[in-house]
Amino acid sequence: MVRQAAERLREKDRRRDHSCAERRARAQKLARHVASLLADADPSVRKIIGFGSTFETWRSYRMNSDVDIGVIGGDWSRLAAAVPLSEFDVSLVELELQNAEFTDYVLKHGVVLYENK
């Protein structure tokens, strides 16, 4: 009886992990789409970086994790209006207004989704 209960818990954990992995993949796909929309909305955007648990795979991902997107350059009102409604909360972060330590972290650990060269 204890073994059966333990196996049920392991199976529940496997299903949760699988659901989280699928949701993370959808979140990454959305972030790439949003990056494209942002770049199209304002050509003065220089760089767009995905970060946080959606992209930093060593971090835990939860079913309610948001999509963190750092932006360098661009007109903020244009960019905010370009973010579509989706199943995810999308957090745009204006990296030029953040402290250097945070920005350096995002640049080091994040994933470049767009760069205007």
C-alpha atoms as a PDB file:
ATOM      1  CA  MET A   1       0.000   0.000   0.000  1.00  0.00           C
ATOM      2  CA  VAL A   2       2.841   2.414   0.825  1.00  0.00           C
ATOM      3  CA  ARG A   3       4.606   1.478  -2.430  1.00  0.00           C
ATOM      4  CA  GLN A   4       1.449   2.148  -4.423  1.00  0.00           C
ATOM      5  CA  ALA A   5       1.011   5.534  -2.795  1.00  0.00           C
ATOM      6  CA  ALA A   6       4.661   6.379  -3.477  1.00  0.00           C
ATOM      7  CA  GLU A   7       4.285   5.330  -7.117  1.00  0.00           C
ATOM      8  CA  ARG A   8       1.167   7.481  -7.496  1.00  0.00           C
ATOM      9  CA  LEU A   9       3.086  10.457  -6.130  1.00  0.00           C
ATOM     10  CA  ARG A  10       6.008   9.800  -8.495  1.00  0.00           C
ATOM     11  CA  GLU A  11       3.594   9.572 -11.440  1.00  0.00           C
ATOM     12  CA  LYS A  12       1.905  12.820 -10.393  1.00  0.00           C
ATOM     13  CA  ASP A  13       5.348  14.501 -10.217  1.00  0.00           C
ATOM     14  CA  ARG A  14       6.261  13.158 -13.682  1.00  0.00           C
ATOM     15  CA  ARG A  15       3.027  14.521 -15.164  1.00  0.00           C
ATOM     16  CA  ARG A  16       3.602  17.913 -13.512  1.00  0.00           C
ATOM     17  CA  ASP A  17       7.195  18.049 -14.766  1.00  0.00           C
ATOM     18  CA  HIS A  18       6.030  17.157 -18.280  1.00  0.00           C
ATOM     19  CA  SER A  19       3.322  19.843 -18.194  1.00  0.00           C
ATOM     20  CA  CYS A  20       5.838  22.420 -16.973  1.00  0.00           C
ATOM     21  CA  ALA A  21       8.284  21.496 -19.748  1.00  0.00           C
ATOM     22  CA  GLU A  22       5.559  21.868 -22.376  1.00  0.00           C
ATOM     23  CA  ARG A  23       4.470  25.203 -20.950  1.00  0.00           C
ATOM     24  CA  ARG A  24       8.073  26.462 -20.850  1.00  0.00           C
ATOM     25  CA  ALA A  25       8.458  25.575 -24.535  1.00  0.00           C
ATOM     26  CA  ARG A  26       5.250  27.504 -25.350  1.00  0.00           C
ATOM     27  CA  ALA A  27       6.507  30.457 -23.290  1.00  0.00           C
ATOM     28  CA  GLN A  28       9.817  30.485 -25.173  1.00  0.00           C
ATOM     29  CA  LYS A  29       7.959  30.371 -28.491  1.00  0.00           C
ATOM     30  CA  LEU A  30       5.749  33.263 -27.395  1.00  0.00           C
ATOM     31  CA  ALA A  31       8.796  35.291 -26.296  1.00  0.00           C
ATOM     32  CA  ARG A  32      10.371  34.863 -29.732  1.00  0.00           C
ATOM     33  CA  HIS A  33       7.118  36.003 -31.338  1.00  0.00           C
ATOM     34  CA  VAL A  34       6.881  39.007 -29.007  1.00  0.00           C
ATOM     35  CA  ALA A  35      10.498  39.925 -29.813  1.00  0.00           C
ATOM     36  CA  SER A  36       9.610  39.963 -33.499  1.00  0.00           C
ATOM     37  CA  LEU A  37       6.556  42.137 -32.817  1.00  0.00           C
ATOM     38  CA  LEU A  38       8.621  44.553 -30.714  1.00  0.00           C
ATOM     39  CA  ALA A  39      11.321  44.848 -33.359  1.00  0.00           C
ATOM     40  CA  ASP A  40       8.673  45.531 -36.011  1.00  0.00           C
ATOM     41  CA  ALA A  41       6.884  48.077 -33.792  1.00  0.00           C
ATOM     42  CA  ASP A  42       9.995  50.173 -33.257  1.00  0.00           C
ATOM     43  CA  PRO A  43      13.147  49.943 -35.401  1.00  0.00           C
ATOM     44  CA  SER A  44      15.134  51.819 -32.742  1.00  0.00           C
ATOM     45  CA  VAL A  45      15.110  48.709 -30.519  1.00  0.00           C
ATOM     46  CA  ARG A  46      18.720  47.541 -30.256  1.00  0.00           C
ATOM     47  CA  LYS A  47      18.406  44.279 -28.339  1.00  0.00           C
ATOM     48  CA  ILE A  48      15.737  41.993 -26.890  1.00  0.00           C
ATOM     49  CA  ILE A  49      16.661  39.321 -24.353  1.00  0.00           C
ATOM     50  CA  GLY A  50      14.577  36.564 -22.805  1.00  0.00           C
ATOM     51  CA  PHE A  51      15.533  35.798 -19.210  1.00  0.00           C
ATOM     52  CA  GLY A  52      14.194  34.372 -15.984  1.00  0.00           C
ATOM     53  CA  SER A  53      12.869  30.879 -15.449  1.00  0.00           C
ATOM     54  CA  THR A  54      11.470  30.664 -18.978  1.00  0.00           C
ATOM     55  CA  PHE A  55      14.989  30.774 -20.445  1.00  0.00           C
ATOM     56  CA  GLU A  56      17.310  29.936 -17.559  1.00  0.00           C
ATOM     57  CA  THR A  57      16.700  26.197 -17.577  1.00  0.00           C
ATOM     58  CA  TRP A  58      18.665  25.601 -14.364  1.00  0.00           C
ATOM     59  CA  ARG A  59      15.927  27.550 -12.568  1.00  0.00           C
ATOM     60  CA  SER A  60      12.649  25.988 -11.525  1.00  0.00           C
ATOM     61  CA  TYR A  61       9.759  26.634 -13.852  1.00  0.00           C
ATOM     62  CA  ARG A  62       6.231  26.737 -12.473  1.00  0.00           C
ATOM     63  CA  MET A  63       2.887  26.603 -14.212  1.00  0.00           C
ATOM     64  CA  ASN A  64       2.342  30.274 -13.272  1.00  0.00           C
ATOM     65  CA  SER A  65       5.788  31.523 -14.340  1.00  0.00           C
ATOM     66  CA  ASP A  66       5.737  34.669 -16.441  1.00  0.00           C
ATOM     67  CA  VAL A  67       7.767  35.548 -19.521  1.00  0.00           C
ATOM     68  CA  ASP A  68      10.515  38.069 -18.766  1.00  0.00           C
ATOM     69  CA  ILE A  69      11.775  40.093 -21.718  1.00  0.00           C
ATOM     70  CA  GLY A  70      14.520  42.689 -21.409  1.00  0.00           C
ATOM     71  CA  VAL A  71      14.663  45.466 -23.988  1.00  0.00           C
ATOM     72  CA  ILE A  72      17.443  47.903 -24.856  1.00  0.00           C
ATOM     73  CA  GLY A  73      16.354  50.920 -26.894  1.00  0.00           C
ATOM     74  CA  GLY A  74      12.994  51.759 -28.364  1.00  0.00           C
ATOM     75  CA  ASP A  75      10.004  53.893 -27.491  1.00  0.00           C
ATOM     76  CA  TRP A  76       8.447  52.327 -24.427  1.00  0.00           C
ATOM     77  CA  SER A  77       4.843  53.262 -25.200  1.00  0.00           C
ATOM     78  CA  ARG A  78       5.096  51.694 -28.656  1.00  0.00           C
ATOM     79  CA  LEU A  79       6.669  48.558 -27.249  1.00  0.00           C
ATOM     80  CA  ALA A  80       4.145  48.050 -24.476  1.00  0.00           C
ATOM     81  CA  ALA A  81       1.282  48.389 -26.982  1.00  0.00           C
ATOM     82  CA  ALA A  82       2.834  45.714 -29.217  1.00  0.00           C
ATOM     83  CA  VAL A  83       2.646  42.926 -26.617  1.00  0.00           C
ATOM     84  CA  PRO A  84      -0.289  40.645 -27.452  1.00  0.00           C
ATOM     85  CA  LEU A  85      -2.634  39.079 -24.931  1.00  0.00           C
ATOM     86  CA  SER A  86      -1.754  35.454 -24.288  1.00  0.00           C
ATOM     87  CA  GLU A  87      -1.974  32.672 -21.740  1.00  0.00           C
ATOM     88  CA  PHE A  88       1.217  34.110 -20.168  1.00  0.00           C
ATOM     89  CA  ASP A  89       1.915  37.253 -18.221  1.00  0.00           C
ATOM     90  CA  VAL A  90       4.639  39.070 -20.146  1.00  0.00           C
ATOM     91  CA  SER A  91       6.973  41.360 -18.210  1.00  0.00           C
ATOM     92  CA  LEU A  92       8.868  43.879 -20.322  1.00  0.00           C
ATOM     93  CA  VAL A  93      11.906  45.287 -18.570  1.00  0.00           C
ATOM     94  CA  GLU A  94      13.644  48.407 -19.825  1.00  0.00           C
ATOM     95  CA  LEU A  95      17.217  47.329 -19.176  1.00  0.00           C
ATOM     96  CA  GLU A  96      18.666  50.802 -19.586  1.00  0.00           C
ATOM     97  CA  LEU A  97      16.778  51.879 -16.444  1.00  0.00           C
ATOM     98  CA  GLN A  98      17.923  48.945 -14.279  1.00  0.00           C
ATOM     99  CA  ASN A  99      20.983  48.853 -12.079  1.00  0.00           C
ATOM    100  CA  ALA A 100      24.197  47.636 -13.695  1.00  0.00           C
ATOM    101  CA  GLU A 101      24.307  44.395 -11.702  1.00  0.00           C
ATOM    102  CA  PHE A 102      20.850  43.318 -12.861  1.00  0.00           C
ATOM    103  CA  THR A 103      21.492  44.313 -16.481  1.00  0.00           C
ATOM    104  CA  ASP A 104      24.826  42.463 -16.489  1.00  0.00           C
ATOM    105  CA  TYR A 105      23.079  39.354 -15.133  1.00  0.00           C
ATOM    106  CA  VAL A 106      20.436  39.472 -17.883  1.00  0.00           C
ATOM    107  CA  LEU A 107      23.067  40.018 -20.572  1.00  0.00           C
ATOM    108  CA  LYS A 108      25.144  37.119 -19.261  1.00  0.00           C
ATOM    109  CA  HIS A 109      22.392  34.549 -18.579  1.00  0.00           C
ATOM    110  CA  GLY A 110      19.589  35.584 -20.899  1.00  0.00           C
ATOM    111  CA  VAL A 111      18.915  34.477 -24.457  1.00  0.00           C
ATOM    112  CA  VAL A 112      19.212  37.079 -27.216  1.00  0.00           C
ATOM    113  CA  LEU A 113      15.917  37.039 -29.108  1.00  0.00           C
ATOM    114  CA  TYR A 114      16.679  39.995 -31.360  1.00  0.00           C
ATOM    115  CA  GLU A 115      19.638  42.231 -32.053  1.00  0.00           C
ATOM    116  CA  ASN A 116      19.729  45.195 -34.431  1.00  0.00           C
ATOM    117  CA  LYS A 117      23.225  45.163 -35.845  1.00  0.00           C
END
